[in-house]
Amino acid sequence: MIVKLPLLFAAMLSTSAIADITIYEPNPDYGVPNESPQFSAILSQSKLQISDPQAGKGNQIQVAEDSDFSQVVNRYFHINKDNQALVFKMSGDHRRNEIRVHKNFRTDLPNTFYRLSTEFMPIEPEASMAHSDISQNEITYLQVHNKGTNDAGDNNIPHPLLRVVWKQEANGVKGHYWAIIKANALICKGERGKANINNPECKAENAYKHYDLGQYVAGKPLNIDIVTGNSKLAIWVDDKQAVNHDISYWQPFLSYYKAGVYNQFSHGESHAEFSKLTFTKEVK
């Protein structure tokens, strides 16, 4: 049986106009994520945010908002039966396929830390954007985003605190992973950011801090832990600390984790496979 979200229902859930994507598409080649013991914990704490590749730029629908993933499997989101990895795929610029962990957490508590532990492998990212005609050409795999100053989403800003990306090229460095961290709490785009557009802190070189996390190697997974707490954002790559960034400026906001793929390239499809994905709270 194939189940599609009704157009009206999808429109109610989408941030754009109308999305129509097959959410439940059983196939003997696809393992069901909800039935995988290694991902049951993270799915029980999350929902899926997925775009319709054929709909408008930036569209997304919210799926499994109650964390019931029993009817969520398709060509974009499934278990690879050969290696038991959780597969995320998506086509088109500014389209996404990500799980969003429900927990909105503070990053300033001195003894409370929130950790996202992952091991994932991008599949041929260079080939994904071989025909892209835009300059950004990157794929985001992990995010720390902000909910706003409360669970209702008040005073949120349209910028994530962190994106872990693979970039085709950055200042002459080709094919590396990067941690891109928002370096202040200013809104630097859109209608709400008009007053800040000419602020020096909104210039690209001041608004973001870029940390090089190393070269992508085909066939080699990236083992990465992200920890937030005590007004710090720390990142470990292959058990070595790569980032320890002061985020005291982020104190007003609640934050949350995301994992999957978010495209910023055109005319291609991203593909990542996660062999580990866990979310934990640690009190020290």
Protein backbone atom coordinates (compact mmCIF):
# COMPACT_ATOMS: atom_id res chain seq x y z
CA MET A 1 0.00 0.00 0.00
CA ILE A 2 1.24 3.49 -0.86
CA VAL A 3 0.02 6.36 1.28
CA LYS A 4 0.31 9.97 0.17
CA LEU A 5 -0.35 12.96 2.33
CA PRO A 6 -3.55 14.64 1.11
CA LEU A 7 -2.83 17.95 -0.55
CA LEU A 8 -4.85 19.98 1.93
CA PHE A 9 -3.28 18.26 4.93
CA ALA A 10 0.20 18.69 3.49
CA ALA A 11 -0.48 22.35 2.83
CA MET A 12 -1.47 22.84 6.46
CA LEU A 13 1.80 21.29 7.59
CA SER A 14 4.10 22.91 5.06
CA THR A 15 5.88 26.20 5.38
CA SER A 16 5.32 26.73 1.66
CA ALA A 17 2.24 26.26 -0.47
CA ILE A 18 1.39 22.61 -1.18
CA ALA A 19 3.51 19.51 -0.81
CA ASP A 20 2.54 16.05 -2.02
CA ILE A 21 5.07 13.34 -1.27
CA THR A 22 4.72 9.61 -0.72
CA ILE A 23 5.48 8.99 2.95
CA TYR A 24 4.65 5.29 3.23
CA GLU A 25 6.09 3.39 0.27
CA PRO A 26 6.91 -0.16 1.36
CA ASN A 27 9.47 -1.88 -0.81
CA PRO A 28 11.33 -5.16 -0.27
CA ASP A 29 14.59 -3.25 -0.76
CA TYR A 30 13.81 -0.75 2.02
CA GLY A 31 14.14 -1.53 5.69
CA VAL A 32 11.66 0.31 7.92
CA PRO A 33 13.52 2.77 10.20
CA ASN A 34 11.01 2.30 13.01
CA GLU A 35 11.86 -1.42 13.13
CA SER A 36 15.62 -0.87 13.51
CA PRO A 37 16.80 -1.38 17.13
CA GLN A 38 19.77 0.93 16.67
CA PHE A 39 17.58 3.91 15.72
CA SER A 40 14.46 3.29 17.82
CA ALA A 41 15.64 5.57 20.64
CA ILE A 42 16.34 8.63 18.47
CA LEU A 43 13.14 8.16 16.46
CA SER A 44 11.09 7.91 19.66
CA GLN A 45 12.33 11.43 20.51
CA SER A 46 11.99 13.00 17.06
CA LYS A 47 9.86 13.89 14.06
CA LEU A 48 10.75 14.05 10.36
CA GLN A 49 10.98 17.26 8.36
CA ILE A 50 10.97 16.39 4.68
CA SER A 51 10.57 18.36 1.46
CA ASP A 52 8.66 17.48 -1.66
CA PRO A 53 11.44 17.56 -4.30
CA GLN A 54 8.93 18.75 -6.90
CA ALA A 55 7.47 21.57 -4.81
CA GLY A 56 8.79 25.06 -4.20
CA LYS A 57 12.20 25.94 -2.86
CA GLY A 58 12.31 25.67 0.93
CA ASN A 59 9.10 23.63 1.28
CA GLN A 60 8.83 21.11 4.09
CA ILE A 61 6.21 19.00 5.82
CA GLN A 62 6.22 17.70 9.37
CA VAL A 63 5.87 13.92 9.63
CA ALA A 64 5.56 11.68 12.71
CA GLU A 65 5.07 14.63 15.04
CA ASP A 66 4.03 12.12 17.71
CA SER A 67 7.22 10.11 16.98
CA ASP A 68 5.20 7.29 15.41
CA PHE A 69 7.42 6.30 12.47
CA SER A 70 5.64 3.00 11.81
CA GLN A 71 4.22 4.29 8.50
CA VAL A 72 7.29 6.28 7.43
CA VAL A 73 9.48 4.62 4.80
CA ASN A 74 10.20 5.63 1.22
CA ARG A 75 13.07 6.03 -1.24
CA TYR A 76 14.28 9.09 0.65
CA PHE A 77 14.10 7.67 4.20
CA HIS A 78 14.74 4.00 4.89
CA ILE A 79 17.20 1.43 6.21
CA ASN A 80 19.87 0.12 3.87
CA LYS A 81 19.41 -3.63 4.26
CA ASP A 82 23.02 -4.34 3.30
CA ASN A 83 24.63 -2.37 6.13
CA GLN A 84 21.64 -1.47 8.37
CA ALA A 85 22.40 2.26 8.02
CA LEU A 86 19.68 4.90 8.15
CA VAL A 87 19.44 6.46 4.69
CA PHE A 88 18.58 10.10 4.00
CA LYS A 89 18.21 11.32 0.41
CA MET A 90 16.80 14.50 -1.12
CA SER A 91 16.76 16.25 -4.50
CA GLY A 92 16.77 19.95 -5.26
CA ASP A 93 18.17 23.17 -3.86
CA HIS A 94 16.96 24.24 -0.40
CA ARG A 95 15.14 20.94 0.12
CA ARG A 96 15.65 18.85 3.22
CA ASN A 97 15.17 15.43 4.77
CA GLU A 98 16.04 15.63 8.47
CA ILE A 99 14.93 14.28 11.79
CA ARG A 100 14.25 17.02 14.32
CA VAL A 101 14.77 15.99 17.94
CA HIS A 102 11.76 17.24 19.91
CA LYS A 103 13.66 18.43 22.96
CA ASN A 104 14.19 22.19 23.12
CA PHE A 105 17.05 22.78 25.54
CA ARG A 106 19.01 25.58 27.17
CA THR A 107 22.68 25.87 26.29
CA ASP A 108 23.75 27.96 29.29
CA LEU A 109 23.10 25.61 32.23
CA PRO A 110 26.46 25.02 33.96
CA ASN A 111 25.99 21.32 34.77
CA THR A 112 23.63 20.12 32.03
CA PHE A 113 24.85 19.04 28.61
CA TYR A 114 23.05 17.76 25.52
CA ARG A 115 24.94 15.45 23.19
CA LEU A 116 24.28 14.31 19.64
CA SER A 117 26.51 11.35 18.78
CA THR A 118 26.72 10.30 15.16
CA GLU A 119 28.61 8.28 12.63
CA PHE A 120 27.60 8.91 9.05
CA MET A 121 28.93 8.63 5.54
CA PRO A 122 28.10 11.03 2.71
CA ILE A 123 27.69 9.12 -0.54
CA GLU A 124 29.52 10.78 -3.44
CA PRO A 125 28.73 14.41 -2.56
CA GLU A 126 30.86 15.69 -5.43
CA ALA A 127 28.80 13.68 -7.91
CA SER A 128 25.59 14.96 -6.29
CA MET A 129 26.37 18.50 -7.41
CA ALA A 130 28.18 17.76 -10.66
CA HIS A 131 25.51 19.68 -12.58
CA SER A 132 24.81 22.41 -10.03
CA ASP A 133 24.65 25.92 -11.43
CA ILE A 134 24.85 27.83 -8.14
CA SER A 135 27.98 28.79 -6.22
CA GLN A 136 27.24 27.65 -2.66
CA ASN A 137 27.40 23.91 -3.37
CA GLU A 138 27.22 22.34 0.07
CA ILE A 139 25.23 19.75 2.00
CA THR A 140 24.31 20.15 5.67
CA TYR A 141 24.22 16.93 7.71
CA LEU A 142 23.87 18.12 11.32
CA GLN A 143 22.41 21.23 12.92
CA VAL A 144 21.88 22.96 16.23
CA HIS A 145 18.97 25.32 15.59
CA ASN A 146 17.07 27.73 17.81
CA LYS A 147 13.42 27.48 18.82
CA GLY A 148 13.26 31.00 20.23
CA THR A 149 13.05 32.12 23.82
CA ASN A 150 10.32 29.63 24.77
CA ASP A 151 8.64 26.46 23.52
CA ALA A 152 6.06 28.56 21.68
CA GLY A 153 8.82 29.84 19.41
CA ASP A 154 8.70 33.50 20.38
CA ASN A 155 11.66 35.68 19.37
CA ASN A 156 13.30 32.98 17.27
CA ILE A 157 15.89 33.94 14.68
CA PRO A 158 16.10 32.35 11.20
CA HIS A 159 19.69 31.18 11.67
CA PRO A 160 20.96 27.91 13.12
CA LEU A 161 23.68 28.09 15.74
CA LEU A 162 25.60 25.30 14.01
CA ARG A 163 25.65 23.51 10.69
CA VAL A 164 28.04 20.64 9.97
CA VAL A 165 28.49 20.60 6.20
CA TRP A 166 30.46 19.20 3.33
CA LYS A 167 31.50 22.01 0.98
CA GLN A 168 32.66 21.55 -2.57
CA GLU A 169 35.08 24.45 -2.13
CA ALA A 170 35.75 27.11 0.51
CA ASN A 171 38.50 29.68 0.01
CA GLY A 172 40.44 27.27 -2.16
CA VAL A 173 39.97 24.29 0.18
CA LYS A 174 38.12 21.55 -1.67
CA GLY A 175 35.98 18.72 -0.36
CA HIS A 176 36.23 19.33 3.39
CA TYR A 177 33.79 19.06 6.26
CA TRP A 178 33.14 22.33 8.10
CA ALA A 179 31.46 23.44 11.30
CA ILE A 180 29.75 26.76 10.54
CA ILE A 181 28.78 28.56 13.75
CA LYS A 182 26.63 31.69 14.01
CA ALA A 183 28.91 34.09 15.87
CA ASN A 184 26.21 36.36 17.29
CA ALA A 185 22.46 36.44 17.92
CA LEU A 186 21.57 39.08 15.33
CA ILE A 187 19.00 38.49 12.60
CA CYS A 188 20.94 39.19 9.42
CA LYS A 189 18.40 38.47 6.69
CA GLY A 190 14.77 38.90 5.75
CA GLU A 191 12.21 41.45 6.84
CA ARG A 192 13.08 41.17 10.53
CA GLY A 193 16.76 41.65 9.78
CA LYS A 194 16.47 44.83 7.72
CA ALA A 195 17.72 47.03 10.54
CA ASN A 196 20.87 44.91 10.86
CA ILE A 197 21.80 44.47 7.21
CA ASN A 198 24.49 47.17 7.31
CA ASN A 199 25.71 46.22 10.78
CA PRO A 200 29.35 45.07 10.58
CA GLU A 201 28.40 42.05 12.71
CA CYS A 202 26.15 40.85 9.88
CA LYS A 203 28.96 40.78 7.34
CA ALA A 204 29.78 37.18 6.45
CA GLU A 205 33.27 37.31 7.93
CA ASN A 206 31.87 38.47 11.29
CA ALA A 207 28.50 36.72 11.42
CA TYR A 208 29.94 33.20 11.14
CA LYS A 209 32.94 31.27 12.39
CA HIS A 210 34.18 28.41 10.21
CA TYR A 211 36.05 25.44 11.67
CA ASP A 212 37.70 22.99 9.28
CA LEU A 213 36.78 19.45 10.38
CA GLY A 214 38.93 17.69 7.82
CA GLN A 215 38.94 16.14 4.38
CA TYR A 216 36.11 13.97 3.13
CA VAL A 217 37.41 10.51 2.22
CA ALA A 218 35.15 8.35 0.06
CA GLY A 219 34.02 5.24 1.89
CA LYS A 220 35.17 6.51 5.30
CA PRO A 221 32.45 7.52 7.79
CA LEU A 222 32.67 10.66 9.89
CA ASN A 223 32.45 10.01 13.62
CA ILE A 224 31.29 13.21 15.29
CA ASP A 225 29.89 14.23 18.68
CA ILE A 226 28.31 17.63 19.34
CA VAL A 227 27.88 18.76 22.96
CA THR A 228 26.15 21.94 24.15
CA GLY A 229 26.05 23.21 27.73
CA ASN A 230 27.68 25.68 30.13
CA SER A 231 27.52 28.25 27.30
CA LYS A 232 29.91 26.17 25.20
CA LEU A 233 29.57 24.35 21.91
CA ALA A 234 32.06 21.50 21.64
CA ILE A 235 32.66 19.14 18.73
CA TRP A 236 34.68 15.94 18.71
CA VAL A 237 35.75 14.33 15.43
CA ASP A 238 37.04 10.76 15.66
CA ASP A 239 37.31 11.21 19.45
CA LYS A 240 39.51 14.31 19.14
CA GLN A 241 38.16 17.70 20.15
CA ALA A 242 37.99 19.97 17.11
CA VAL A 243 35.85 22.84 18.44
CA ASN A 244 35.33 24.52 21.81
CA HIS A 245 33.33 27.67 21.08
CA ASP A 246 31.91 30.17 23.57
CA ILE A 247 28.17 30.61 22.90
CA SER A 248 27.25 32.85 25.84
CA TYR A 249 25.57 35.16 23.29
CA TRP A 250 23.10 32.31 22.58
CA GLN A 251 21.83 32.28 26.18
CA PRO A 252 18.31 33.65 25.45
CA PHE A 253 17.43 30.83 23.08
CA LEU A 254 16.22 27.29 23.39
CA SER A 255 17.98 25.01 20.91
CA TYR A 256 17.42 21.63 19.29
CA TYR A 257 19.28 19.09 17.16
CA LYS A 258 18.67 18.01 13.57
CA ALA A 259 20.31 15.30 11.45
CA GLY A 260 19.91 14.21 7.84
CA VAL A 261 20.50 16.15 4.62
CA TYR A 262 19.76 19.75 3.66
CA ASN A 263 20.75 20.78 0.14
CA GLN A 264 22.30 24.03 -0.97
CA PHE A 265 23.06 23.05 -4.55
CA SER A 266 20.95 22.53 -7.67
CA HIS A 267 20.22 19.74 -10.16
CA GLY A 268 21.20 16.77 -8.04
CA GLU A 269 20.38 14.47 -5.13
CA SER A 270 22.14 14.24 -1.77
CA HIS A 271 22.63 10.89 -0.04
CA ALA A 272 23.94 10.17 3.46
CA GLU A 273 23.91 6.98 5.52
CA PHE A 274 24.00 7.07 9.32
CA SER A 275 25.29 4.04 11.20
CA LYS A 276 24.94 5.78 14.59
CA LEU A 277 22.59 8.52 15.76
CA THR A 278 21.83 9.11 19.44
CA PHE A 279 20.68 12.01 21.62
CA THR A 280 21.45 12.12 25.33
CA LYS A 281 21.23 14.49 28.28
CA GLU A 282 24.17 14.48 30.70
CA VAL A 283 24.13 16.06 34.17
CA LYS A 284 27.54 16.53 35.77
